[in-house]
Protein backbone atom coordinates (compact mmCIF):
# COMPACT_ATOMS: atom_id res chain seq x y z
CA MET A 1 -82.98 -10.29 1.49
CA LYS A 2 -81.20 -8.71 -1.35
CA ASN A 3 -82.04 -11.32 -3.93
CA TYR A 4 -85.36 -12.51 -2.40
CA PHE A 5 -87.59 -10.45 -4.67
CA LEU A 6 -85.30 -10.82 -7.65
CA ILE A 7 -85.28 -14.59 -7.40
CA LEU A 8 -89.05 -14.70 -6.82
CA PHE A 9 -89.67 -12.69 -9.94
CA PHE A 10 -87.17 -14.74 -11.92
CA ILE A 11 -88.91 -17.97 -10.93
CA LEU A 12 -92.22 -16.54 -12.21
CA LEU A 13 -90.61 -15.58 -15.51
CA TYR A 14 -88.69 -18.83 -15.73
CA SER A 15 -91.81 -20.86 -15.20
CA CYS A 16 -93.21 -19.28 -18.32
CA SER A 17 -90.60 -20.97 -20.36
CA GLN A 18 -92.05 -24.31 -19.31
CA LYS A 19 -95.17 -23.32 -21.12
CA SER A 20 -93.27 -22.66 -24.29
CA GLU A 21 -93.59 -26.28 -25.41
CA GLU A 22 -97.28 -26.02 -25.26
CA ILE A 23 -97.29 -22.90 -27.23
CA GLN A 24 -94.93 -24.40 -29.74
CA THR A 25 -97.28 -27.30 -30.52
CA LYS A 26 -100.01 -24.74 -31.39
CA VAL A 27 -97.89 -22.60 -33.72
CA GLU A 28 -95.81 -25.13 -35.64
CA GLY A 29 -96.99 -23.51 -38.76
CA ASP A 30 -95.79 -20.06 -37.71
CA SER A 31 -91.97 -20.26 -38.09
CA LEU A 32 -91.50 -16.71 -36.70
CA GLU A 33 -93.08 -17.49 -33.33
CA THR A 34 -91.38 -20.86 -33.23
CA GLN A 35 -87.98 -19.07 -33.66
CA MET A 36 -88.91 -16.72 -30.93
CA ILE A 37 -89.74 -19.55 -28.46
CA LYS A 38 -86.42 -21.27 -29.36
CA ALA A 39 -84.49 -18.08 -28.74
CA TYR A 40 -86.20 -17.53 -25.45
CA ASN A 41 -85.52 -21.10 -24.31
CA ALA A 42 -81.84 -20.77 -25.44
CA GLY A 43 -81.60 -17.63 -23.26
CA VAL A 44 -82.95 -19.53 -20.25
CA GLU A 45 -80.45 -22.36 -20.82
CA ALA A 46 -77.58 -19.96 -21.15
CA LEU A 47 -78.64 -18.23 -17.96
CA ASP A 48 -78.66 -21.62 -16.12
CA MET A 49 -75.16 -22.14 -17.41
CA GLY A 50 -73.95 -18.76 -16.09
CA ASP A 51 -73.39 -17.17 -19.56
CA ALA A 52 -75.15 -13.79 -18.95
CA LEU A 53 -73.98 -12.20 -22.23
CA TYR A 54 -75.29 -14.99 -24.45
CA ALA A 55 -78.47 -15.28 -22.41
CA ALA A 56 -79.22 -11.48 -22.82
CA LYS A 57 -78.37 -11.77 -26.54
CA LYS A 58 -80.96 -14.65 -26.97
CA PHE A 59 -83.56 -12.81 -24.94
CA ASN A 60 -83.11 -9.63 -27.13
CA GLU A 61 -83.31 -11.89 -30.22
CA ALA A 62 -86.64 -13.37 -28.96
CA GLU A 63 -88.01 -9.80 -28.32
CA LEU A 64 -87.10 -8.64 -31.85
CA LEU A 65 -88.47 -11.76 -33.55
CA TYR A 66 -91.94 -11.24 -32.19
CA PRO A 67 -92.23 -7.65 -30.80
CA GLN A 68 -96.03 -7.55 -30.77
CA SER A 69 -96.37 -10.61 -28.45
CA ASP A 70 -96.51 -10.83 -24.60
CA TRP A 71 -93.15 -12.55 -24.85
CA ALA A 72 -91.43 -9.33 -26.04
CA PRO A 73 -91.51 -7.41 -22.74
CA ARG A 74 -90.95 -10.56 -20.79
CA SER A 75 -87.76 -11.30 -22.88
CA SER A 76 -86.53 -7.67 -22.31
CA LEU A 77 -86.89 -8.05 -18.59
CA MET A 78 -85.13 -11.35 -18.65
CA ALA A 79 -82.16 -9.88 -20.59
CA SER A 80 -81.97 -7.09 -17.86
CA TYR A 81 -82.14 -9.66 -15.12
CA ALA A 82 -79.32 -11.74 -16.81
CA TYR A 83 -77.04 -8.69 -16.88
CA PHE A 84 -77.88 -7.73 -13.30
CA GLN A 85 -77.45 -11.37 -11.89
CA PHE A 86 -73.83 -11.40 -13.18
CA GLY A 87 -72.82 -7.89 -12.32
CA TYR A 88 -73.25 -6.20 -15.71
CA TYR A 89 -74.95 -3.31 -14.03
CA SER A 90 -74.61 -0.64 -16.73
CA ASN A 91 -75.94 -3.08 -19.35
CA SER A 92 -78.83 -3.95 -17.16
CA VAL A 93 -79.64 -0.28 -16.57
CA ASP A 94 -79.59 0.43 -20.32
CA GLU A 95 -81.94 -2.49 -20.94
CA LEU A 96 -84.31 -1.45 -18.21
CA GLU A 97 -84.47 2.15 -19.34
CA ARG A 98 -85.35 0.86 -22.82
CA PHE A 99 -87.99 -1.46 -21.34
CA ILE A 100 -89.65 1.45 -19.45
CA ASN A 101 -89.70 3.52 -22.57
CA LEU A 102 -91.06 0.78 -24.75
CA TYR A 103 -93.61 -0.78 -22.43
CA PRO A 104 -94.79 1.99 -20.14
CA LYS A 105 -98.06 0.21 -19.31
CA ASN A 106 -96.54 -3.29 -18.78
CA LYS A 107 -97.88 -5.04 -15.69
CA ASN A 108 -94.35 -5.75 -14.49
CA LEU A 109 -93.31 -2.08 -14.63
CA ASP A 110 -92.99 -1.98 -10.76
CA TYR A 111 -90.44 -4.79 -10.99
CA ALA A 112 -88.51 -2.95 -13.72
CA TYR A 113 -88.06 0.04 -11.48
CA TYR A 114 -87.16 -2.07 -8.48
CA LEU A 115 -84.47 -3.87 -10.58
CA LEU A 116 -83.30 -0.42 -11.86
CA ALA A 117 -82.86 0.71 -8.27
CA MET A 118 -81.06 -2.47 -7.24
CA ASN A 119 -78.59 -2.12 -10.12
CA TYR A 120 -77.50 1.30 -8.79
CA TYR A 121 -77.65 0.07 -5.15
CA GLU A 122 -75.30 -2.91 -5.89
CA SER A 123 -72.92 -0.98 -8.21
CA ILE A 124 -71.68 1.19 -5.25
CA VAL A 125 -69.34 -1.75 -4.47
CA ASP A 126 -67.49 -1.05 -7.69
CA GLU A 127 -67.63 2.81 -7.43
CA LYS A 128 -66.36 3.45 -3.98
CA LYS A 129 -65.76 7.13 -4.56
CA ASP A 130 -68.70 7.80 -6.72
CA LEU A 131 -72.00 8.71 -4.99
CA LYS A 132 -74.06 8.73 -8.15
CA PRO A 133 -75.19 5.12 -7.85
CA LEU A 134 -76.38 5.70 -4.22
CA LYS A 135 -78.29 8.83 -5.18
CA GLU A 136 -79.87 7.13 -8.20
CA ALA A 137 -80.86 4.16 -6.08
CA LYS A 138 -82.38 6.51 -3.54
CA LYS A 139 -84.31 8.31 -6.36
CA TYR A 140 -85.80 5.06 -7.66
CA PHE A 141 -86.55 3.53 -4.31
CA ASN A 142 -88.46 6.66 -3.41
CA PHE A 143 -90.34 6.49 -6.70
CA ILE A 144 -91.33 2.90 -6.04
CA ILE A 145 -92.56 3.80 -2.49
CA LYS A 146 -94.69 6.67 -3.98
CA GLU A 147 -95.95 4.93 -7.03
CA TYR A 148 -96.26 1.26 -5.85
CA PRO A 149 -96.71 1.65 -2.13
CA ASP A 150 -98.45 -1.70 -1.45
CA THR A 151 -95.82 -3.87 -3.10
CA ASP A 152 -93.11 -5.95 -1.64
CA TYR A 153 -90.72 -3.86 -3.61
CA ALA A 154 -91.75 -0.73 -1.76
CA LEU A 155 -91.21 -2.60 1.62
CA ASP A 156 -87.72 -3.61 0.64
CA GLY A 157 -87.04 -0.12 -0.75
CA LYS A 158 -87.75 1.47 2.62
CA TYR A 159 -85.21 -0.77 4.27
CA LYS A 160 -82.61 0.03 1.49
CA LEU A 161 -83.29 3.75 1.92
CA GLU A 162 -82.20 3.57 5.55
CA LEU A 163 -78.91 1.96 4.61
CA ILE A 164 -78.38 4.61 1.82
CA ASP A 165 -79.03 7.46 4.26
CA ASP A 166 -76.66 6.08 6.77
CA ILE A 167 -73.86 6.03 4.14
CA LEU A 168 -74.63 9.52 2.94
CA ALA A 169 -74.85 10.83 6.43
CA ALA A 170 -71.52 9.17 7.28
CA LYS A 171 -69.84 10.95 4.43
CA GLU A 172 -71.19 14.34 5.62
CA ILE A 173 -70.01 13.78 9.27
CA TYR A 174 -66.61 12.59 8.00
CA ILE A 175 -66.16 15.84 6.15
CA ALA A 176 -67.55 17.98 8.96
CA ARG A 177 -64.91 16.49 11.26
CA TYR A 178 -62.20 17.40 8.88
CA TYR A 179 -63.43 21.02 8.73
CA ILE A 180 -63.62 21.08 12.56
CA LYS A 181 -60.04 19.87 12.78
CA LYS A 182 -58.96 22.67 10.33
CA GLU A 183 -61.20 25.18 12.31
CA LYS A 184 -63.21 25.99 9.18
CA TRP A 185 -66.32 26.68 11.32
CA ILE A 186 -68.77 27.88 8.69
CA ALA A 187 -68.08 24.95 6.28
CA ALA A 188 -68.42 22.52 9.25
CA VAL A 189 -71.70 24.11 10.41
CA ASN A 190 -73.15 23.77 6.89
CA ARG A 191 -72.32 20.11 6.73
CA LEU A 192 -73.72 19.50 10.23
CA LYS A 193 -76.95 21.33 9.54
CA PHE A 194 -77.32 19.26 6.35
CA ILE A 195 -77.16 16.09 8.35
CA VAL A 196 -79.72 17.36 10.91
CA ASN A 197 -82.14 18.52 8.17
CA ASN A 198 -81.81 15.65 5.81
CA TYR A 199 -80.66 12.59 7.69
CA GLY A 200 -82.44 13.04 10.93
CA THR A 201 -83.16 9.19 11.33
CA THR A 202 -79.57 8.15 11.05
CA ILE A 203 -77.27 7.24 13.81
CA PHE A 204 -75.09 10.37 13.01
CA VAL A 205 -77.72 13.06 13.82
CA GLU A 206 -76.69 12.92 17.54
CA GLU A 207 -73.08 13.69 16.85
CA ALA A 208 -74.11 16.44 14.33
CA LEU A 209 -76.23 18.23 17.01
CA HIS A 210 -73.38 17.95 19.57
CA ARG A 211 -70.78 19.33 17.10
CA LEU A 212 -73.10 22.24 16.41
CA VAL A 213 -73.30 22.87 20.21
CA GLU A 214 -69.53 22.65 20.38
CA ILE A 215 -68.84 24.98 17.45
CA TYR A 216 -71.28 27.67 18.43
CA TYR A 217 -69.99 27.65 22.06
CA ILE A 218 -66.47 28.06 20.68
CA LEU A 219 -67.59 31.02 18.55
CA GLY A 220 -69.24 32.61 21.57
CA LEU A 221 -72.82 32.18 20.21
CA GLU A 222 -74.11 30.61 23.45
CA SER A 223 -77.71 31.00 22.69
CA GLU A 224 -77.34 29.01 19.51
CA ALA A 225 -75.31 26.38 21.24
CA ARG A 226 -78.05 26.00 23.95
CA LYS A 227 -80.67 25.73 21.27
CA TYR A 228 -79.01 22.71 19.68
CA ALA A 229 -78.18 21.31 23.11
CA LYS A 230 -81.90 21.40 23.97
CA THR A 231 -82.82 19.64 20.74
CA LEU A 232 -80.23 17.02 21.49
CA GLY A 233 -81.42 16.58 25.07
CA TYR A 234 -85.06 16.40 24.05
CA ASN A 235 -84.44 13.61 21.63
CA TYR A 236 -81.45 11.79 22.95
CA GLN A 237 -81.17 12.61 26.66
CA SER A 238 -79.64 9.33 27.57
CA GLY A 239 -77.10 9.41 24.85
CA ASP A 240 -73.42 10.01 25.24
CA TRP A 241 -73.41 12.94 22.85
CA TYR A 242 -75.81 14.77 24.98
CA LYS A 243 -73.66 14.18 28.08
CA GLN A 244 -70.72 15.74 26.22
CA SER A 245 -72.86 18.71 25.30
CA TYR A 246 -74.09 19.02 28.81
CA LYS A 247 -70.54 19.14 30.06
CA ILE A 248 -69.82 22.12 27.80
CA PHE A 249 -72.07 24.25 29.91
CA ASN A 250 -71.40 22.31 33.23
CA LYS A 251 -67.63 21.95 33.49
CA ASP A 252 -67.65 20.03 36.74
CA TYR A 253 -69.97 17.29 35.28
CA SER A 254 -68.20 14.02 34.80
CA PHE A 255 -69.26 10.87 33.05
CA ASN A 256 -67.83 7.78 31.41
CA ILE A 257 -68.45 7.12 27.75
CA LYS A 258 -69.45 3.49 27.23
CA LYS A 259 -66.52 2.06 25.41
CA LYS A 260 -68.66 -0.60 23.62
CA ASN A 261 -70.82 2.09 22.04
CA LYS A 262 -67.88 4.17 21.04
CA GLU A 263 -66.15 1.26 19.47
CA THR A 264 -69.34 0.13 17.68
CA ASP A 265 -69.76 3.58 16.17
CA LYS A 266 -66.18 3.73 15.12
CA LYS A 267 -66.37 0.28 13.39
CA LEU A 268 -69.49 1.35 11.53
CA LEU A 269 -68.04 4.63 10.46
CA ASP A 270 -64.75 2.97 9.37
CA LYS A 271 -66.78 0.47 7.36
CA ILE A 272 -68.84 3.18 5.66
CA LYS A 273 -65.76 5.43 5.09
CA SER A 274 -64.37 2.62 2.87
CA PHE A 275 -67.02 3.69 0.30
CA PHE A 276 -65.24 6.99 -0.10
């Protein structure tokens, strides 16, 4: 689904190039516009050939040749798309930010923000220890959902946000486990509460609640431990983490953790940990 909306939009833009011959016949006397159309078509051809840098250069040239035409913002978007398509994410981001500043009322502004979010979302692959791309992607996906709620971009953004939150929550639980191992209880509690308050829809909230029960019980704050145990039980009574919390207060209680679930959780966590 990653490229579905990008390809759809690209097809719409690309189809416009097919109309350029019609336009060219009408403006043979206008050499500036003719040059603009030739530059745009050269950009499309370069993109087809896989030369993103030359394609972006020609699209920028088309924009500069005829900045007052409808082709100018279209060319700018095509340049940013060319950069994105071949992994030049920082170049694409720069192009998109320029587009948003120059054409704040353009009809394709929703796509520009979506492509901006996707640039940050995809660049996490190359920045495994840098959370900035994920946080920026989250910011722009949230913006799209708020400003363009009825678009397909907003729909895809909601899906992407779930994945982003899973990764961010995984990082927090990973650090919290480290603090627990070192018996740095306050630091661990802060991390765990952050997960509960900010990533309540992720798969890691159950473990976070259980760890809070565990820590508060160790510290002798049984009322606090019971409070989080009740929250865990109310929302995830059939889960294995609740069973472990229940056993803290009922030492004779025995249960078997489903090996499949535990292994699945470990595989997911190990996969997400690779980002850090």
